[in-house]
Amino acid sequence: MPGFFFSHNNMTELNGKEDCKLAKGKVHKKKQKAFGADLKSYLKCILPHIESGINTSNSRNVMLSAEEVIQWSQSLEKLLASQSGQGVFREFLKSEFSEENIEFWLACEDYKKTKSDHLHGKAERIYEEFVQSDAIKQINIDYQMREATAKKAQDPTHTSFDEAQKTVYILMERDSYPRFLKSKSYLNLLNQLQTSTSK
């Protein structure tokens, strides 16, 4: 949950109970609008010229097509194979407070490509960030898998996180992914692209 930091001077302004209630109410309202705003700004980055349909010569700008976005609905695998798909899905998971799932999955994909002499350091980071019982971004796996993954991470190989990654993938596939396909963020993006293509 995002924290709010106040300078010492500002803290004195929020000393009454009414002020605190008012501040909490504002935080709650901001949170509801935050996902929409985050997604809008993210889409503006990846779709810089969607409205005008202008594709710039800068190869770093990613232009999405309606076909690509439709492909995302065919399988989670196709969604995650797309760089833009990963970004849009991550924003959706943030709105559900479960972005640790895609972050862990991506960390595992990166881990598999790691050179053997760097495995130990990366395995330790992934374990501390996602697997251990008090991890900041703890993934939803059972006790036995957590223990087994901890043992594998101590003597790491390229497959140390495979079972946990598979479990998290299935969790996203059965739970978050179907909701993502019905979400306003996905449907609005698809509609916007289809409208812009038909112009």
C-alpha atoms as a PDB file:
ATOM      1  CA  MET A   1       0.000   0.000   0.000  1.00  0.00           C
ATOM      2  CA  PRO A   2       1.547   3.369  -0.937  1.00  0.00           C
ATOM      3  CA  GLY A   3       2.717   5.443   1.998  1.00  0.00           C
ATOM      4  CA  PHE A   4       2.373   9.184   2.325  1.00  0.00           C
ATOM      5  CA  PHE A   5       5.289  11.148   3.671  1.00  0.00           C
ATOM      6  CA  PHE A   6       4.861  14.491   5.392  1.00  0.00           C
ATOM      7  CA  SER A   7       7.508  16.939   6.461  1.00  0.00           C
ATOM      8  CA  HIS A   8       7.636  17.763  10.180  1.00  0.00           C
ATOM      9  CA  ASN A   9       5.820  21.080   9.570  1.00  0.00           C
ATOM     10  CA  ASN A  10       2.959  19.391   7.703  1.00  0.00           C
ATOM     11  CA  MET A  11       2.495  16.794  10.450  1.00  0.00           C
ATOM     12  CA  THR A  12       1.421  19.480  12.917  1.00  0.00           C
ATOM     13  CA  GLU A  13      -1.405  20.441  10.541  1.00  0.00           C
ATOM     14  CA  LEU A  14      -2.859  16.926  10.744  1.00  0.00           C
ATOM     15  CA  ASN A  15      -3.043  16.660  14.507  1.00  0.00           C
ATOM     16  CA  GLY A  16      -6.843  16.681  14.925  1.00  0.00           C
ATOM     17  CA  LYS A  17      -8.965  13.537  14.563  1.00  0.00           C
ATOM     18  CA  GLU A  18     -11.193  15.244  12.007  1.00  0.00           C
ATOM     19  CA  ASP A  19      -8.144  16.143   9.920  1.00  0.00           C
ATOM     20  CA  CYS A  20      -7.022  12.499   9.962  1.00  0.00           C
ATOM     21  CA  LYS A  21     -10.462  11.246   8.901  1.00  0.00           C
ATOM     22  CA  LEU A  22     -10.532  13.823   6.121  1.00  0.00           C
ATOM     23  CA  ALA A  23      -7.058  12.802   4.979  1.00  0.00           C
ATOM     24  CA  LYS A  24      -8.007   9.092   4.999  1.00  0.00           C
ATOM     25  CA  GLY A  25     -11.104   9.825   2.922  1.00  0.00           C
ATOM     26  CA  LYS A  26      -8.998  11.678   0.355  1.00  0.00           C
ATOM     27  CA  VAL A  27      -6.457   8.837   0.241  1.00  0.00           C
ATOM     28  CA  HIS A  28      -9.263   6.314  -0.416  1.00  0.00           C
ATOM     29  CA  LYS A  29     -10.721   8.421  -3.241  1.00  0.00           C
ATOM     30  CA  LYS A  30      -7.278   8.935  -4.746  1.00  0.00           C
ATOM     31  CA  LYS A  31      -6.643   5.198  -4.672  1.00  0.00           C
ATOM     32  CA  GLN A  32      -9.813   4.470  -6.656  1.00  0.00           C
ATOM     33  CA  LYS A  33      -8.788   6.928  -9.363  1.00  0.00           C
ATOM     34  CA  ALA A  34      -5.100   5.963  -9.262  1.00  0.00           C
ATOM     35  CA  PHE A  35      -5.409   2.843 -11.416  1.00  0.00           C
ATOM     36  CA  GLY A  36      -7.160   4.710 -14.217  1.00  0.00           C
ATOM     37  CA  ALA A  37      -4.603   7.496 -14.117  1.00  0.00           C
ATOM     38  CA  ASP A  38      -1.665   5.054 -13.996  1.00  0.00           C
ATOM     39  CA  LEU A  39      -3.028   3.085 -16.925  1.00  0.00           C
ATOM     40  CA  LYS A  40      -3.687   6.242 -18.947  1.00  0.00           C
ATOM     41  CA  SER A  41      -0.138   7.484 -18.418  1.00  0.00           C
ATOM     42  CA  TYR A  42       1.281   4.033 -19.182  1.00  0.00           C
ATOM     43  CA  LEU A  43      -0.723   3.767 -22.400  1.00  0.00           C
ATOM     44  CA  LYS A  44       0.344   7.270 -23.404  1.00  0.00           C
ATOM     45  CA  CYS A  45       3.936   6.039 -23.132  1.00  0.00           C
ATOM     46  CA  ILE A  46       3.460   2.884 -25.177  1.00  0.00           C
ATOM     47  CA  LEU A  47       0.954   4.397 -27.561  1.00  0.00           C
ATOM     48  CA  PRO A  48       2.334   7.887 -28.076  1.00  0.00           C
ATOM     49  CA  HIS A  49       0.514   8.573 -31.349  1.00  0.00           C
ATOM     50  CA  ILE A  50      -2.536   6.306 -31.220  1.00  0.00           C
ATOM     51  CA  GLU A  51      -5.020   9.120 -31.688  1.00  0.00           C
ATOM     52  CA  SER A  52      -3.370  10.560 -34.789  1.00  0.00           C
ATOM     53  CA  GLY A  53      -2.136   7.199 -36.076  1.00  0.00           C
ATOM     54  CA  ILE A  54       1.327   8.677 -36.701  1.00  0.00           C
ATOM     55  CA  ASN A  55       4.206   6.240 -36.338  1.00  0.00           C
ATOM     56  CA  THR A  56       7.432   8.086 -35.638  1.00  0.00           C
ATOM     57  CA  SER A  57      10.818   7.005 -36.909  1.00  0.00           C
ATOM     58  CA  ASN A  58      11.949   6.462 -33.331  1.00  0.00           C
ATOM     59  CA  SER A  59      12.083   2.668 -33.044  1.00  0.00           C
ATOM     60  CA  ARG A  60      11.778   2.865 -29.246  1.00  0.00           C
ATOM     61  CA  ASN A  61       8.129   3.907 -29.534  1.00  0.00           C
ATOM     62  CA  VAL A  62       5.940   0.840 -29.491  1.00  0.00           C
ATOM     63  CA  MET A  63       2.902   0.895 -31.740  1.00  0.00           C
ATOM     64  CA  LEU A  64       0.247  -1.629 -30.829  1.00  0.00           C
ATOM     65  CA  SER A  65      -2.142  -3.098 -33.328  1.00  0.00           C
ATOM     66  CA  ALA A  66      -5.653  -4.322 -32.668  1.00  0.00           C
ATOM     67  CA  GLU A  67      -4.531  -7.780 -33.912  1.00  0.00           C
ATOM     68  CA  GLU A  68      -1.816  -7.982 -31.248  1.00  0.00           C
ATOM     69  CA  VAL A  69      -4.216  -6.956 -28.482  1.00  0.00           C
ATOM     70  CA  ILE A  70      -6.786  -9.510 -29.737  1.00  0.00           C
ATOM     71  CA  GLN A  71      -4.048 -12.177 -29.572  1.00  0.00           C
ATOM     72  CA  TRP A  72      -3.625 -11.446 -25.877  1.00  0.00           C
ATOM     73  CA  SER A  73      -7.105 -12.907 -25.366  1.00  0.00           C
ATOM     74  CA  GLN A  74      -6.087 -16.257 -26.894  1.00  0.00           C
ATOM     75  CA  SER A  75      -3.871 -17.300 -23.986  1.00  0.00           C
ATOM     76  CA  LEU A  76      -1.885 -15.965 -21.060  1.00  0.00           C
ATOM     77  CA  GLU A  77       1.213 -17.265 -22.838  1.00  0.00           C
ATOM     78  CA  LYS A  78       0.542 -14.932 -25.819  1.00  0.00           C
ATOM     79  CA  LEU A  79      -0.135 -12.018 -23.477  1.00  0.00           C
ATOM     80  CA  LEU A  80       3.155 -12.555 -21.617  1.00  0.00           C
ATOM     81  CA  ALA A  81       5.076 -13.047 -24.881  1.00  0.00           C
ATOM     82  CA  SER A  82       4.269  -9.417 -25.732  1.00  0.00           C
ATOM     83  CA  GLN A  83       6.348  -6.688 -24.097  1.00  0.00           C
ATOM     84  CA  SER A  84       3.353  -4.321 -24.209  1.00  0.00           C
ATOM     85  CA  GLY A  85       1.060  -7.090 -22.972  1.00  0.00           C
ATOM     86  CA  GLN A  86       3.266  -7.605 -19.924  1.00  0.00           C
ATOM     87  CA  GLY A  87       3.085  -3.884 -19.151  1.00  0.00           C
ATOM     88  CA  VAL A  88      -0.692  -3.586 -19.484  1.00  0.00           C
ATOM     89  CA  PHE A  89      -1.254  -6.813 -17.503  1.00  0.00           C
ATOM     90  CA  ARG A  90       1.114  -5.607 -14.770  1.00  0.00           C
ATOM     91  CA  GLU A  91      -0.890  -2.360 -14.439  1.00  0.00           C
ATOM     92  CA  PHE A  92      -4.068  -4.427 -14.116  1.00  0.00           C
ATOM     93  CA  LEU A  93      -2.471  -6.657 -11.439  1.00  0.00           C
ATOM     94  CA  LYS A  94      -1.373  -3.523  -9.560  1.00  0.00           C
ATOM     95  CA  SER A  95      -5.036  -2.497  -9.391  1.00  0.00           C
ATOM     96  CA  GLU A  96      -5.755  -5.886  -7.776  1.00  0.00           C
ATOM     97  CA  PHE A  97      -2.706  -5.652  -5.479  1.00  0.00           C
ATOM     98  CA  SER A  98      -1.199  -8.827  -6.967  1.00  0.00           C
ATOM     99  CA  GLU A  99       1.593  -7.514  -9.199  1.00  0.00           C
ATOM    100  CA  GLU A 100       4.068  -9.731  -7.292  1.00  0.00           C
ATOM    101  CA  ASN A 101       2.854 -12.630  -9.467  1.00  0.00           C
ATOM    102  CA  ILE A 102       3.974 -11.191 -12.797  1.00  0.00           C
ATOM    103  CA  GLU A 103       7.106  -9.714 -11.213  1.00  0.00           C
ATOM    104  CA  PHE A 104       8.085 -13.144  -9.857  1.00  0.00           C
ATOM    105  CA  TRP A 105       7.277 -14.826 -13.189  1.00  0.00           C
ATOM    106  CA  LEU A 106       9.417 -12.291 -15.088  1.00  0.00           C
ATOM    107  CA  ALA A 107      12.244 -12.619 -12.532  1.00  0.00           C
ATOM    108  CA  CYS A 108      12.187 -16.403 -13.101  1.00  0.00           C
ATOM    109  CA  GLU A 109      12.299 -15.952 -16.890  1.00  0.00           C
ATOM    110  CA  ASP A 110      15.324 -13.678 -16.478  1.00  0.00           C
ATOM    111  CA  TYR A 111      16.899 -16.122 -13.986  1.00  0.00           C
ATOM    112  CA  LYS A 112      16.753 -18.981 -16.525  1.00  0.00           C
ATOM    113  CA  LYS A 113      18.923 -16.924 -18.914  1.00  0.00           C
ATOM    114  CA  THR A 114      21.513 -16.145 -16.229  1.00  0.00           C
ATOM    115  CA  LYS A 115      25.109 -17.305 -16.600  1.00  0.00           C
ATOM    116  CA  SER A 116      25.998 -20.066 -14.137  1.00  0.00           C
ATOM    117  CA  ASP A 117      28.477 -17.941 -12.152  1.00  0.00           C
ATOM    118  CA  HIS A 118      25.717 -15.388 -11.382  1.00  0.00           C
ATOM    119  CA  LEU A 119      23.031 -17.894 -10.383  1.00  0.00           C
ATOM    120  CA  HIS A 120      23.751 -17.808  -6.659  1.00  0.00           C
ATOM    121  CA  GLY A 121      23.304 -14.039  -6.293  1.00  0.00           C
ATOM    122  CA  LYS A 122      20.125 -13.937  -8.380  1.00  0.00           C
ATOM    123  CA  ALA A 123      18.636 -16.979  -6.637  1.00  0.00           C
ATOM    124  CA  GLU A 124      19.206 -15.296  -3.280  1.00  0.00           C
ATOM    125  CA  ARG A 125      17.542 -12.062  -4.453  1.00  0.00           C
ATOM    126  CA  ILE A 126      14.500 -13.870  -5.882  1.00  0.00           C
ATOM    127  CA  TYR A 127      14.155 -15.962  -2.722  1.00  0.00           C
ATOM    128  CA  GLU A 128      14.363 -12.928  -0.420  1.00  0.00           C
ATOM    129  CA  GLU A 129      12.029 -10.770  -2.518  1.00  0.00           C
ATOM    130  CA  PHE A 130       9.310 -13.308  -3.370  1.00  0.00           C
ATOM    131  CA  VAL A 131       9.610 -16.669  -1.610  1.00  0.00           C
ATOM    132  CA  GLN A 132      10.665 -16.387   2.029  1.00  0.00           C
ATOM    133  CA  SER A 133       7.804 -16.228   4.521  1.00  0.00           C
ATOM    134  CA  ASP A 134       8.310 -12.521   5.322  1.00  0.00           C
ATOM    135  CA  ALA A 135       9.152 -11.441   1.753  1.00  0.00           C
ATOM    136  CA  ILE A 136       8.024  -7.947   0.739  1.00  0.00           C
ATOM    137  CA  LYS A 137       6.384  -9.297  -2.441  1.00  0.00           C
ATOM    138  CA  GLN A 138       5.525 -12.759  -1.142  1.00  0.00           C
ATOM    139  CA  ILE A 139       3.962 -15.058  -3.742  1.00  0.00           C
ATOM    140  CA  ASN A 140       1.012 -17.315  -2.925  1.00  0.00           C
ATOM    141  CA  ILE A 141       2.506 -20.826  -2.700  1.00  0.00           C
ATOM    142  CA  ASP A 142       1.945 -23.472  -0.034  1.00  0.00           C
ATOM    143  CA  TYR A 143       4.337 -24.261   2.819  1.00  0.00           C
ATOM    144  CA  GLN A 144       5.801 -27.415   1.206  1.00  0.00           C
ATOM    145  CA  MET A 145       6.611 -25.606  -2.039  1.00  0.00           C
ATOM    146  CA  ARG A 146       8.077 -22.666  -0.113  1.00  0.00           C
ATOM    147  CA  GLU A 147      10.369 -25.051   1.780  1.00  0.00           C
ATOM    148  CA  ALA A 148      11.337 -27.004  -1.355  1.00  0.00           C
ATOM    149  CA  THR A 149      12.076 -23.787  -3.240  1.00  0.00           C
ATOM    150  CA  ALA A 150      14.190 -22.519  -0.322  1.00  0.00           C
ATOM    151  CA  LYS A 151      16.333 -25.690  -0.469  1.00  0.00           C
ATOM    152  CA  LYS A 152      16.743 -25.428  -4.241  1.00  0.00           C
ATOM    153  CA  ALA A 153      17.716 -21.746  -3.952  1.00  0.00           C
ATOM    154  CA  GLN A 154      20.569 -22.633  -1.552  1.00  0.00           C
ATOM    155  CA  ASP A 155      22.255 -24.774  -4.200  1.00  0.00           C
ATOM    156  CA  PRO A 156      20.887 -23.050  -7.308  1.00  0.00           C
ATOM    157  CA  THR A 157      20.489 -24.461 -10.800  1.00  0.00           C
ATOM    158  CA  HIS A 158      18.620 -22.953 -13.760  1.00  0.00           C
ATOM    159  CA  THR A 159      15.496 -24.907 -12.702  1.00  0.00           C
ATOM    160  CA  SER A 160      15.462 -23.922  -9.009  1.00  0.00           C
ATOM    161  CA  PHE A 161      12.286 -21.833  -9.302  1.00  0.00           C
ATOM    162  CA  ASP A 162      10.483 -23.822 -12.020  1.00  0.00           C
ATOM    163  CA  GLU A 163       7.841 -25.414  -9.764  1.00  0.00           C
ATOM    164  CA  ALA A 164       7.011 -22.171  -7.963  1.00  0.00           C
ATOM    165  CA  GLN A 165       6.929 -20.284 -11.282  1.00  0.00           C
ATOM    166  CA  LYS A 166       4.545 -22.871 -12.754  1.00  0.00           C
ATOM    167  CA  THR A 167       2.243 -22.559  -9.722  1.00  0.00           C
ATOM    168  CA  VAL A 168       2.164 -18.751  -9.993  1.00  0.00           C
ATOM    169  CA  TYR A 169       1.537 -18.980 -13.747  1.00  0.00           C
ATOM    170  CA  ILE A 170      -1.463 -21.302 -13.178  1.00  0.00           C
ATOM    171  CA  LEU A 171      -2.750 -18.940 -10.477  1.00  0.00           C
ATOM    172  CA  MET A 172      -2.605 -15.979 -12.899  1.00  0.00           C
ATOM    173  CA  GLU A 173      -4.098 -18.061 -15.730  1.00  0.00           C
ATOM    174  CA  ARG A 174      -7.098 -19.232 -13.696  1.00  0.00           C
ATOM    175  CA  ASP A 175      -7.678 -16.169 -11.572  1.00  0.00           C
ATOM    176  CA  SER A 176      -6.341 -12.790 -12.767  1.00  0.00           C
ATOM    177  CA  TYR A 177      -6.160 -13.392 -16.525  1.00  0.00           C
ATOM    178  CA  PRO A 178      -9.926 -14.035 -17.084  1.00  0.00           C
ATOM    179  CA  ARG A 179     -10.708 -10.890 -15.049  1.00  0.00           C
ATOM    180  CA  PHE A 180      -8.154  -8.927 -17.075  1.00  0.00           C
ATOM    181  CA  LEU A 181      -9.921  -9.896 -20.331  1.00  0.00           C
ATOM    182  CA  LYS A 182     -13.233  -8.571 -18.942  1.00  0.00           C
ATOM    183  CA  SER A 183     -11.655  -5.452 -17.435  1.00  0.00           C
ATOM    184  CA  LYS A 184     -12.342  -1.927 -18.670  1.00  0.00           C
ATOM    185  CA  SER A 185      -8.613  -1.361 -19.196  1.00  0.00           C
ATOM    186  CA  TYR A 186      -8.346  -4.236 -21.702  1.00  0.00           C
ATOM    187  CA  LEU A 187     -11.697  -3.645 -23.428  1.00  0.00           C
ATOM    188  CA  ASN A 188     -11.133   0.126 -23.713  1.00  0.00           C
ATOM    189  CA  LEU A 189      -7.657  -0.392 -25.178  1.00  0.00           C
ATOM    190  CA  LEU A 190      -8.992  -2.885 -27.715  1.00  0.00           C
ATOM    191  CA  ASN A 191     -11.914  -0.618 -28.615  1.00  0.00           C
ATOM    192  CA  GLN A 192      -9.604   2.393 -29.014  1.00  0.00           C
ATOM    193  CA  LEU A 193      -7.280   0.451 -31.343  1.00  0.00           C
ATOM    194  CA  GLN A 194     -10.137  -0.970 -33.412  1.00  0.00           C
ATOM    195  CA  THR A 195     -11.702   2.489 -33.764  1.00  0.00           C
ATOM    196  CA  SER A 196      -8.376   4.021 -34.800  1.00  0.00           C
ATOM    197  CA  THR A 197      -7.788   1.208 -37.360  1.00  0.00           C
ATOM    198  CA  SER A 198     -11.197   1.625 -38.957  1.00  0.00           C
ATOM    199  CA  LYS A 199     -10.705   5.396 -39.506  1.00  0.00           C
END
